[in-house]
Amino acid sequence: MGNANLCHIKIPSMKNGFLALCMAMPIYSYTQNACRLKDCEQAFRQNNLRLISQYYNISAADADVVQAKIWELPQLAFESNVYNPEQSRVADVAHYKSVSMQQLLALGGKRKREIAWAKSNRDIALLEYESMAASLLAELRCSFYSLYLDQQSLQRISGQLSYFNELLEAYQIQASKGNISLKDEVRIRSLVMSLDHERVQIANEILQSQNKLKLLTDMDHDVLPDIREEELEERVHLEPLMNLDDLIALALRNNAEYQQALKAVEAGQKYEDWQKSLNIPDVTGGLQWNQDGGAFRNEVNFSVSIPIPLWKQNKGNIQKARILAEQSQHTAHLAKKQLIADLSTVYDSWKNQYEQYNRISRKDFQNLENVYKGMLENFRRGNISLLEFTDFIDTYRQNISQFNEMKKQIISSSEELNRLVQSDLFKTKQ
């Protein structure tokens, strides 16, 4: 389009576009509650239903420990006469009564080994809880920051879309009058369609992030992240407190999934020890009082019984326990390799993203914003062509989108590092 044709078109000013942007902002204030990250984390720790459900596994494991400590109940028996054939009397209780009590005595440390195995299972349940908590917390933080960045992008695009919709209406009027080429109208329409498509994509991502935050915090309302821009920039520019080798060493000490694999090895060995102890026969001891049925009147006797160990009655369970113990050792070895590999990959990924983002200075971003405002004003005055204007807008949108995506990736990688190491490596003011 030649600059001379601009006199036929009423081009929206920057103020109209900025007004549309401002009009979009109050929507969040009325339909959402502003929350700081620490508020969401507190709600997560108190209300998350998956964590609450997982915690019941710890309570159940505690109950198994209690059960393992309980002794077998003693058996009390009473014996008397039903029929006296000598005197033809029924229930001749007066002439014969016997009372006995027996107690099973577990040998070979069975109860001790069963308790040790139950306690190991309790430790595993606790580690499962800690692992889930770390994973969900990382998901919460990533969703929180992504939601904030997406909402900022949506506000920006909504303002641009409002501006170009007005511009499209002006071009349609002039194209119908034959004052401008139809291709110029189509160019604007294509830009509007592209902006609207991007707006819908970001709006859907916002819905997904909102849904995650609701599930993680058990809130019944949408969340409006309360973050200062300088706070976000500080978060993105933070580096971990140690190098990769130190991170690996710390992860091997702290990572709940790896510690769970190690605890499974310990539990497998204790389970095998318990199964071996079950091969040792138990002793049943007892006392008996007999009124008149033994060698003496009112005699008191004791009894001891023990199974004859002609074969190992628990051989199959021992073999199974040994196989499971060996399997857990291989699983732990694999978990260690996997943890080191994942940590190295995430660290390198974070480093690449961090270095890429830090090659862009605040001045570069400010220059882009200044050029954007200048292009809007120059296009309104007819100093640049429609082709130049739309090409710049496409480039501008891509750059802004890339900036936000880089921030998301840096935060996502840093939170994954926190999860793997189970420590807060990137500390910032809340």
Protein backbone atom coordinates (compact mmCIF):
# COMPACT_ATOMS: atom_id res chain seq x y z
CA MET A 1 0.00 0.00 0.00
CA GLY A 2 1.36 3.42 -0.89
CA ASN A 3 1.56 6.05 1.80
CA ALA A 4 -0.74 8.34 -0.20
CA ASN A 5 -3.69 6.01 0.40
CA LEU A 6 -3.45 6.41 4.17
CA CYS A 7 -5.57 9.55 3.97
CA HIS A 8 -8.60 7.37 3.23
CA ILE A 9 -8.16 5.21 6.34
CA LYS A 10 -8.81 6.12 9.95
CA ILE A 11 -5.96 4.25 11.62
CA PRO A 12 -6.36 3.52 15.36
CA SER A 13 -3.87 5.35 17.52
CA MET A 14 -1.55 3.83 20.12
CA LYS A 15 -3.85 5.18 22.81
CA ASN A 16 -6.77 3.10 21.52
CA GLY A 17 -4.64 -0.03 21.61
CA PHE A 18 -3.39 0.80 25.08
CA LEU A 19 -6.95 1.47 26.22
CA ALA A 20 -7.98 -1.97 25.02
CA LEU A 21 -5.10 -3.47 26.91
CA CYS A 22 -6.12 -1.70 30.10
CA MET A 23 -9.75 -2.73 29.62
CA ALA A 24 -8.70 -6.36 29.62
CA MET A 25 -6.81 -6.14 32.90
CA PRO A 26 -9.70 -5.70 35.40
CA ILE A 27 -11.16 -9.05 34.31
CA TYR A 28 -8.62 -10.88 36.48
CA SER A 29 -9.28 -8.65 39.46
CA TYR A 30 -12.99 -9.45 39.57
CA THR A 31 -12.91 -13.16 38.78
CA GLN A 32 -9.72 -14.25 40.53
CA ASN A 33 -7.96 -13.88 43.86
CA ALA A 34 -4.45 -12.48 43.91
CA CYS A 35 -2.04 -14.91 45.59
CA ARG A 36 1.64 -14.88 46.36
CA LEU A 37 3.63 -18.03 45.68
CA LYS A 38 4.08 -18.67 49.40
CA ASP A 39 0.27 -18.53 49.86
CA CYS A 40 -0.20 -21.18 47.19
CA GLU A 41 2.52 -23.33 48.73
CA GLN A 42 0.88 -23.09 52.14
CA ALA A 43 -2.50 -24.07 50.70
CA PHE A 44 -0.80 -26.94 48.86
CA ARG A 45 0.79 -28.33 52.03
CA GLN A 46 -2.46 -28.08 53.99
CA ASN A 47 -5.06 -29.08 51.41
CA ASN A 48 -3.55 -31.19 48.64
CA LEU A 49 -5.73 -34.28 48.42
CA ARG A 50 -3.07 -36.48 46.82
CA LEU A 51 -0.68 -35.77 49.69
CA ILE A 52 -3.41 -36.38 52.23
CA SER A 53 -4.26 -39.67 50.56
CA GLN A 54 -0.58 -40.67 50.41
CA TYR A 55 -0.16 -39.88 54.10
CA TYR A 56 -2.68 -42.61 54.93
CA ASN A 57 -0.12 -45.11 53.60
CA ILE A 58 2.26 -43.97 56.37
CA SER A 59 -0.47 -44.43 58.97
CA ALA A 60 -1.22 -47.88 57.57
CA ALA A 61 2.49 -48.78 57.79
CA ASP A 62 2.51 -47.59 61.40
CA ALA A 63 -0.39 -49.95 62.06
CA ASP A 64 1.64 -52.82 60.56
CA VAL A 65 4.44 -52.07 63.04
CA VAL A 66 1.96 -52.12 65.92
CA GLN A 67 0.51 -55.41 64.66
CA ALA A 68 3.96 -57.01 64.39
CA LYS A 69 4.63 -56.27 68.08
CA ILE A 70 1.52 -58.07 69.30
CA TRP A 71 2.04 -61.47 70.93
CA GLU A 72 -0.08 -64.51 70.19
CA LEU A 73 -2.95 -64.83 72.64
CA PRO A 74 -2.63 -67.57 75.32
CA GLN A 75 -5.11 -70.43 75.09
CA LEU A 76 -7.22 -71.37 78.11
CA ALA A 77 -8.93 -74.75 78.19
CA PHE A 78 -11.43 -76.30 80.65
CA GLU A 79 -12.19 -80.02 80.76
CA SER A 80 -14.85 -81.89 82.77
CA ASN A 81 -17.05 -84.94 82.74
CA VAL A 82 -20.00 -85.26 80.39
CA TYR A 83 -21.18 -88.75 81.44
CA ASN A 84 -20.14 -90.98 84.35
CA PRO A 85 -20.82 -94.59 83.24
CA GLU A 86 -20.05 -96.09 86.67
CA GLN A 87 -22.80 -94.14 88.38
CA SER A 88 -24.85 -93.39 85.29
CA ARG A 89 -24.66 -89.68 85.95
CA VAL A 90 -24.62 -86.90 83.37
CA ALA A 91 -22.25 -83.95 83.81
CA ASP A 92 -20.58 -85.32 86.90
CA VAL A 93 -18.55 -82.13 87.36
CA ALA A 94 -17.88 -82.71 91.04
CA HIS A 95 -15.60 -85.70 90.48
CA TYR A 96 -13.48 -84.43 87.57
CA LYS A 97 -12.28 -81.01 86.44
CA SER A 98 -9.18 -79.88 84.58
CA VAL A 99 -7.98 -76.36 83.64
CA SER A 100 -5.00 -75.70 81.37
CA MET A 101 -3.35 -72.68 79.74
CA GLN A 102 -0.86 -72.69 76.82
CA GLN A 103 1.27 -69.97 75.25
CA LEU A 104 3.09 -70.04 71.92
CA LEU A 105 6.70 -68.84 72.29
CA ALA A 106 8.25 -67.66 69.00
CA LEU A 107 11.92 -68.63 68.69
CA GLY A 108 14.67 -67.52 66.34
CA GLY A 109 13.90 -63.80 66.62
CA LYS A 110 10.78 -64.07 64.45
CA ARG A 111 8.93 -61.22 66.10
CA LYS A 112 12.00 -58.98 66.15
CA ARG A 113 12.66 -59.55 62.44
CA GLU A 114 9.02 -59.03 61.53
CA ILE A 115 9.02 -55.71 63.41
CA ALA A 116 12.23 -54.64 61.65
CA TRP A 117 10.68 -55.44 58.25
CA ALA A 118 7.50 -53.55 59.12
CA LYS A 119 9.53 -50.51 60.17
CA SER A 120 11.40 -50.60 56.86
CA ASN A 121 8.09 -50.57 55.01
CA ARG A 122 7.06 -47.59 57.10
CA ASP A 123 10.24 -45.77 56.05
CA ILE A 124 9.47 -46.57 52.40
CA ALA A 125 5.96 -45.13 52.76
CA LEU A 126 7.43 -41.95 54.24
CA LEU A 127 9.90 -41.62 51.36
CA GLU A 128 7.09 -42.14 48.86
CA TYR A 129 5.25 -39.28 50.53
CA GLU A 130 8.32 -37.02 50.40
CA SER A 131 8.92 -37.87 46.74
CA MET A 132 5.34 -37.06 45.81
CA ALA A 133 5.45 -33.81 47.81
CA ALA A 134 8.62 -32.70 45.99
CA SER A 135 7.17 -33.51 42.56
CA LEU A 136 3.87 -31.76 43.22
CA LEU A 137 5.61 -28.71 44.71
CA ALA A 138 7.76 -28.36 41.58
CA GLU A 139 4.61 -28.66 39.45
CA LEU A 140 2.91 -26.00 41.57
CA ARG A 141 5.75 -23.51 41.18
CA CYS A 142 6.08 -24.08 37.44
CA SER A 143 2.33 -23.66 36.97
CA PHE A 144 2.33 -20.50 39.08
CA TYR A 145 5.05 -18.76 37.07
CA SER A 146 3.71 -20.05 33.74
CA LEU A 147 0.28 -18.72 34.61
CA TYR A 148 1.70 -15.27 35.36
CA LEU A 149 3.68 -15.13 32.10
CA ASP A 150 0.74 -16.42 30.06
CA GLN A 151 -1.61 -13.86 31.59
CA GLN A 152 0.85 -11.11 30.71
CA SER A 153 1.04 -12.44 27.15
CA LEU A 154 -2.74 -12.66 26.92
CA GLN A 155 -3.14 -9.04 27.99
CA ARG A 156 -0.57 -7.92 25.44
CA ILE A 157 -2.10 -9.91 22.59
CA SER A 158 -5.64 -8.84 23.54
CA GLY A 159 -4.55 -5.20 23.20
CA GLN A 160 -2.88 -5.85 19.84
CA LEU A 161 -5.87 -7.82 18.60
CA SER A 162 -8.24 -4.99 19.52
CA TYR A 163 -6.02 -2.52 17.65
CA PHE A 164 -5.81 -4.64 14.50
CA ASN A 165 -9.53 -5.44 14.52
CA GLU A 166 -10.22 -1.72 14.34
CA LEU A 167 -7.63 -1.40 11.61
CA LEU A 168 -9.22 -4.29 9.70
CA GLU A 169 -12.63 -2.62 9.83
CA ALA A 170 -11.12 0.57 8.38
CA TYR A 171 -9.38 -1.36 5.60
CA GLN A 172 -12.58 -3.28 4.77
CA ILE A 173 -14.45 -0.02 4.28
CA GLN A 174 -11.78 1.43 2.03
CA ALA A 175 -11.37 -1.82 0.07
CA SER A 176 -15.10 -1.91 -0.63
CA LYS A 177 -14.81 1.63 -2.03
CA GLY A 178 -11.86 0.66 -4.19
CA ASN A 179 -9.50 3.05 -2.44
CA ILE A 180 -6.98 0.35 -1.49
CA SER A 181 -5.94 -3.04 -2.78
CA LEU A 182 -7.78 -6.15 -1.52
CA LYS A 183 -4.41 -7.75 -0.75
CA ASP A 184 -3.85 -5.12 1.96
CA GLU A 185 -7.13 -6.07 3.60
CA VAL A 186 -6.19 -9.77 3.35
CA ARG A 187 -2.78 -9.01 4.89
CA ILE A 188 -4.43 -7.38 7.91
CA ARG A 189 -6.98 -10.18 8.18
CA SER A 190 -4.18 -12.78 8.16
CA LEU A 191 -2.45 -10.93 10.97
CA VAL A 192 -5.71 -10.75 12.94
CA MET A 193 -6.28 -14.49 12.45
CA SER A 194 -2.73 -15.23 13.58
CA LEU A 195 -3.14 -13.06 16.68
CA ASP A 196 -6.50 -14.61 17.51
CA HIS A 197 -5.06 -18.12 17.12
CA GLU A 198 -2.21 -17.26 19.46
CA ARG A 199 -4.68 -15.70 21.90
CA VAL A 200 -6.76 -18.89 22.00
CA GLN A 201 -3.66 -21.05 22.52
CA ILE A 202 -2.49 -18.92 25.43
CA ALA A 203 -6.01 -18.81 26.90
CA ASN A 204 -6.10 -22.63 26.81
CA GLU A 205 -2.69 -22.82 28.49
CA ILE A 206 -4.01 -20.48 31.19
CA LEU A 207 -6.99 -22.78 31.73
CA GLN A 208 -4.66 -25.76 32.12
CA SER A 209 -2.45 -23.90 34.59
CA GLN A 210 -5.49 -22.74 36.56
CA ASN A 211 -6.81 -26.29 36.68
CA LYS A 212 -3.45 -27.59 37.97
CA LEU A 213 -3.29 -24.92 40.66
CA LYS A 214 -6.84 -25.64 41.78
CA LEU A 215 -6.11 -29.35 42.08
CA LEU A 216 -2.79 -28.78 43.83
CA THR A 217 -4.13 -26.24 46.35
CA ASP A 218 -7.76 -27.43 46.55
CA MET A 219 -8.90 -23.84 45.94
CA ASP A 220 -12.35 -23.29 44.49
CA HIS A 221 -11.42 -20.08 42.66
CA ASP A 222 -8.98 -19.10 39.95
CA VAL A 223 -5.59 -17.75 40.99
CA LEU A 224 -4.12 -14.43 39.94
CA PRO A 225 -0.36 -14.69 40.58
CA ASP A 226 0.88 -11.72 42.57
CA ILE A 227 4.44 -11.21 41.29
CA ARG A 228 6.43 -8.05 40.84
CA GLU A 229 8.28 -7.88 37.53
CA GLU A 230 11.61 -7.24 39.25
CA GLU A 231 10.95 -10.28 41.46
CA LEU A 232 10.42 -12.45 38.38
CA GLU A 233 13.62 -11.12 36.79
CA GLU A 234 15.51 -11.89 39.98
CA ARG A 235 14.10 -15.42 39.98
CA VAL A 236 15.12 -16.02 36.38
CA HIS A 237 18.65 -14.72 36.95
CA LEU A 238 19.34 -16.87 40.03
CA GLU A 239 21.99 -19.57 39.79
CA PRO A 240 22.28 -22.78 41.88
CA LEU A 241 24.39 -22.57 45.01
CA MET A 242 26.84 -25.29 43.94
CA ASN A 243 28.42 -26.97 40.91
CA LEU A 244 27.22 -30.15 39.22
CA ASP A 245 29.44 -32.55 41.18
CA ASP A 246 28.21 -31.13 44.47
CA LEU A 247 24.62 -31.29 43.22
CA ILE A 248 25.03 -34.98 42.39
CA ALA A 249 26.50 -35.72 45.82
CA LEU A 250 23.64 -33.83 47.51
CA ALA A 251 21.03 -35.57 45.35
CA LEU A 252 22.36 -39.00 46.28
CA ARG A 253 21.86 -38.06 49.95
CA ASN A 254 18.52 -36.30 49.63
CA ASN A 255 16.56 -37.61 46.65
CA ALA A 256 13.56 -39.47 48.06
CA GLU A 257 13.12 -41.76 45.05
CA TYR A 258 16.72 -42.95 45.24
CA GLN A 259 16.57 -43.27 49.03
CA GLN A 260 13.38 -45.27 48.57
CA ALA A 261 15.25 -47.68 46.28
CA LEU A 262 18.01 -48.05 48.88
CA LYS A 263 15.46 -48.59 51.63
CA ALA A 264 13.80 -51.26 49.47
CA VAL A 265 17.13 -53.13 49.41
CA GLU A 266 17.28 -52.95 53.21
CA ALA A 267 13.65 -54.02 53.50
CA GLY A 268 14.24 -56.93 51.13
CA GLN A 269 17.10 -58.20 53.27
CA LYS A 270 15.03 -57.89 56.43
CA TYR A 271 12.15 -59.71 54.77
CA GLU A 272 14.49 -62.53 53.79
CA ASP A 273 15.83 -62.72 57.36
CA TRP A 274 12.29 -62.92 58.68
CA GLN A 275 11.38 -65.72 56.26
CA LYS A 276 14.49 -67.66 57.27
CA SER A 277 13.54 -67.34 60.93
CA LEU A 278 10.16 -68.91 60.18
CA ASN A 279 11.95 -72.22 59.54
CA ILE A 280 12.90 -72.38 63.23
CA PRO A 281 10.22 -74.32 65.17
CA ASP A 282 8.26 -72.48 67.84
CA VAL A 283 7.73 -73.82 71.35
CA THR A 284 4.35 -74.09 73.01
CA GLY A 285 4.49 -74.11 76.83
CA GLY A 286 1.61 -74.69 79.23
CA LEU A 287 0.34 -75.32 82.78
CA GLN A 288 -2.48 -77.64 83.80
CA TRP A 289 -4.47 -78.22 87.00
CA ASN A 290 -6.17 -81.61 87.24
CA GLN A 291 -8.65 -82.44 90.02
CA ASP A 292 -8.73 -86.22 89.93
CA GLY A 293 -7.72 -87.44 86.51
CA GLY A 294 -3.99 -87.82 86.90
CA ALA A 295 -1.52 -89.59 89.13
CA PHE A 296 -2.40 -87.34 92.06
CA ARG A 297 -5.38 -85.42 93.26
CA ASN A 298 -5.31 -81.69 92.48
CA GLU A 299 -2.07 -82.07 90.62
CA VAL A 300 -0.44 -79.21 88.69
CA ASN A 301 1.44 -80.18 85.52
CA PHE A 302 3.41 -78.37 82.85
CA SER A 303 3.72 -79.19 79.16
CA VAL A 304 6.15 -78.33 76.35
CA SER A 305 5.60 -79.09 72.67
CA ILE A 306 7.66 -78.34 69.56
CA PRO A 307 7.24 -79.32 65.88
CA ILE A 308 9.74 -81.88 64.57
CA PRO A 309 11.82 -80.09 61.86
CA LEU A 310 11.94 -82.97 59.39
CA TRP A 311 11.98 -80.52 56.44
CA LYS A 312 12.15 -76.78 55.83
CA GLN A 313 8.52 -75.80 55.61
CA ASN A 314 9.28 -72.21 54.48
CA LYS A 315 11.81 -73.00 51.76
CA GLY A 316 9.75 -71.54 48.90
CA ASN A 317 9.12 -68.23 50.67
CA ILE A 318 12.82 -67.90 51.48
CA GLN A 319 13.73 -68.46 47.85
CA LYS A 320 11.17 -65.86 46.76
CA ALA A 321 12.47 -63.35 49.34
CA ARG A 322 16.04 -63.85 48.12
CA ILE A 323 15.00 -63.22 44.50
CA LEU A 324 13.12 -60.05 45.47
CA ALA A 325 16.14 -58.85 47.48
CA GLU A 326 18.43 -59.31 44.48
CA GLN A 327 15.92 -57.54 42.28
CA SER A 328 15.80 -54.55 44.64
CA GLN A 329 19.60 -54.28 44.51
CA HIS A 330 19.56 -54.03 40.72
CA THR A 331 16.71 -51.53 40.93
CA ALA A 332 18.68 -49.35 43.34
CA HIS A 333 21.73 -49.46 41.06
CA LEU A 334 19.57 -48.40 38.14
CA ALA A 335 17.96 -45.64 40.21
CA LYS A 336 21.39 -44.22 41.02
CA LYS A 337 22.42 -44.15 37.37
CA GLN A 338 19.09 -42.65 36.37
CA LEU A 339 19.33 -39.93 39.01
CA ILE A 340 22.84 -38.91 37.95
CA ALA A 341 21.88 -38.92 34.27
CA ASP A 342 18.69 -36.91 34.85
CA LEU A 343 20.48 -34.41 37.05
CA SER A 344 23.29 -33.91 34.51
CA THR A 345 20.81 -33.46 31.67
CA VAL A 346 18.61 -31.00 33.55
CA TYR A 347 21.62 -29.03 34.77
CA ASP A 348 23.05 -28.72 31.25
CA SER A 349 19.63 -27.78 29.91
CA TRP A 350 19.21 -25.11 32.59
CA LYS A 351 22.71 -23.78 31.89
CA ASN A 352 22.06 -23.48 28.13
CA GLN A 353 18.76 -21.68 28.71
CA TYR A 354 20.25 -19.44 31.40
CA GLU A 355 23.17 -18.39 29.22
CA GLN A 356 20.88 -17.78 26.25
CA TYR A 357 18.57 -15.55 28.27
CA ASN A 358 21.41 -13.61 29.87
CA ARG A 359 22.85 -12.73 26.47
CA ILE A 360 19.79 -10.50 26.15
CA SER A 361 20.11 -7.34 28.20
CA ARG A 362 17.35 -5.20 29.66
CA LYS A 363 18.40 -2.53 27.18
CA ASP A 364 17.74 -4.90 24.25
CA PHE A 365 14.24 -5.55 25.53
CA GLN A 366 13.58 -1.86 26.14
CA ASN A 367 14.84 -1.04 22.65
CA LEU A 368 12.39 -3.56 21.21
CA GLU A 369 9.52 -1.94 23.11
CA ASN A 370 10.58 1.53 21.98
CA VAL A 371 10.80 0.45 18.35
CA TYR A 372 7.37 -1.18 18.66
CA LYS A 373 5.82 2.06 19.87
CA GLY A 374 7.65 4.00 17.18
CA MET A 375 6.44 1.65 14.44
CA LEU A 376 2.84 2.04 15.63
CA GLU A 377 3.12 5.82 15.57
CA ASN A 378 4.91 5.94 12.20
CA PHE A 379 2.34 3.64 10.64
CA ARG A 380 -0.47 5.81 11.94
CA ARG A 381 1.19 8.84 10.35
CA GLY A 382 1.81 7.03 7.09
CA ASN A 383 5.61 7.06 7.34
CA ILE A 384 5.93 3.28 6.72
CA SER A 385 4.08 0.85 4.48
CA LEU A 386 1.63 -1.82 5.61
CA LEU A 387 4.09 -4.53 4.53
CA GLU A 388 6.86 -3.08 6.69
CA PHE A 389 4.46 -2.69 9.59
CA THR A 390 3.02 -6.22 9.51
CA ASP A 391 6.47 -7.78 9.04
CA PHE A 392 7.71 -5.94 12.12
CA ILE A 393 4.64 -6.94 14.15
CA ASP A 394 5.25 -10.61 13.30
CA THR A 395 8.90 -10.29 14.36
CA TYR A 396 7.92 -8.44 17.51
CA ARG A 397 5.36 -11.09 18.50
CA GLN A 398 7.88 -13.87 17.93
CA ASN A 399 10.50 -12.13 20.07
CA ILE A 400 8.10 -11.47 22.94
CA SER A 401 6.87 -15.06 22.78
CA GLN A 402 10.47 -16.33 22.81
CA PHE A 403 11.33 -14.14 25.80
CA ASN A 404 8.45 -15.57 27.81
CA GLU A 405 9.22 -19.12 26.69
CA MET A 406 12.84 -18.73 27.79
CA LYS A 407 11.67 -17.60 31.22
CA LYS A 408 9.33 -20.59 31.47
CA GLN A 409 12.08 -23.02 30.49
CA ILE A 410 14.58 -21.55 32.95
CA ILE A 411 12.08 -21.76 35.81
CA SER A 412 10.98 -25.26 34.79
CA SER A 413 14.59 -26.52 34.66
CA SER A 414 15.49 -24.87 37.97
CA GLU A 415 12.45 -26.40 39.70
CA GLU A 416 13.35 -29.79 38.26
CA LEU A 417 16.82 -29.37 39.76
CA ASN A 418 15.21 -28.52 43.10
CA ARG A 419 13.07 -31.66 42.83
CA LEU A 420 15.95 -33.96 41.97
CA VAL A 421 18.19 -32.59 44.71
CA GLN A 422 15.29 -32.18 47.17
CA SER A 423 16.67 -28.81 48.22
CA ASP A 424 15.95 -25.14 47.49
CA LEU A 425 18.89 -24.27 45.22
CA PHE A 426 17.44 -21.01 43.90
CA LYS A 427 16.54 -18.79 46.81
CA THR A 428 14.73 -15.51 46.31
CA LYS A 429 12.54 -13.18 48.33
CA GLN A 430 8.90 -14.23 48.45
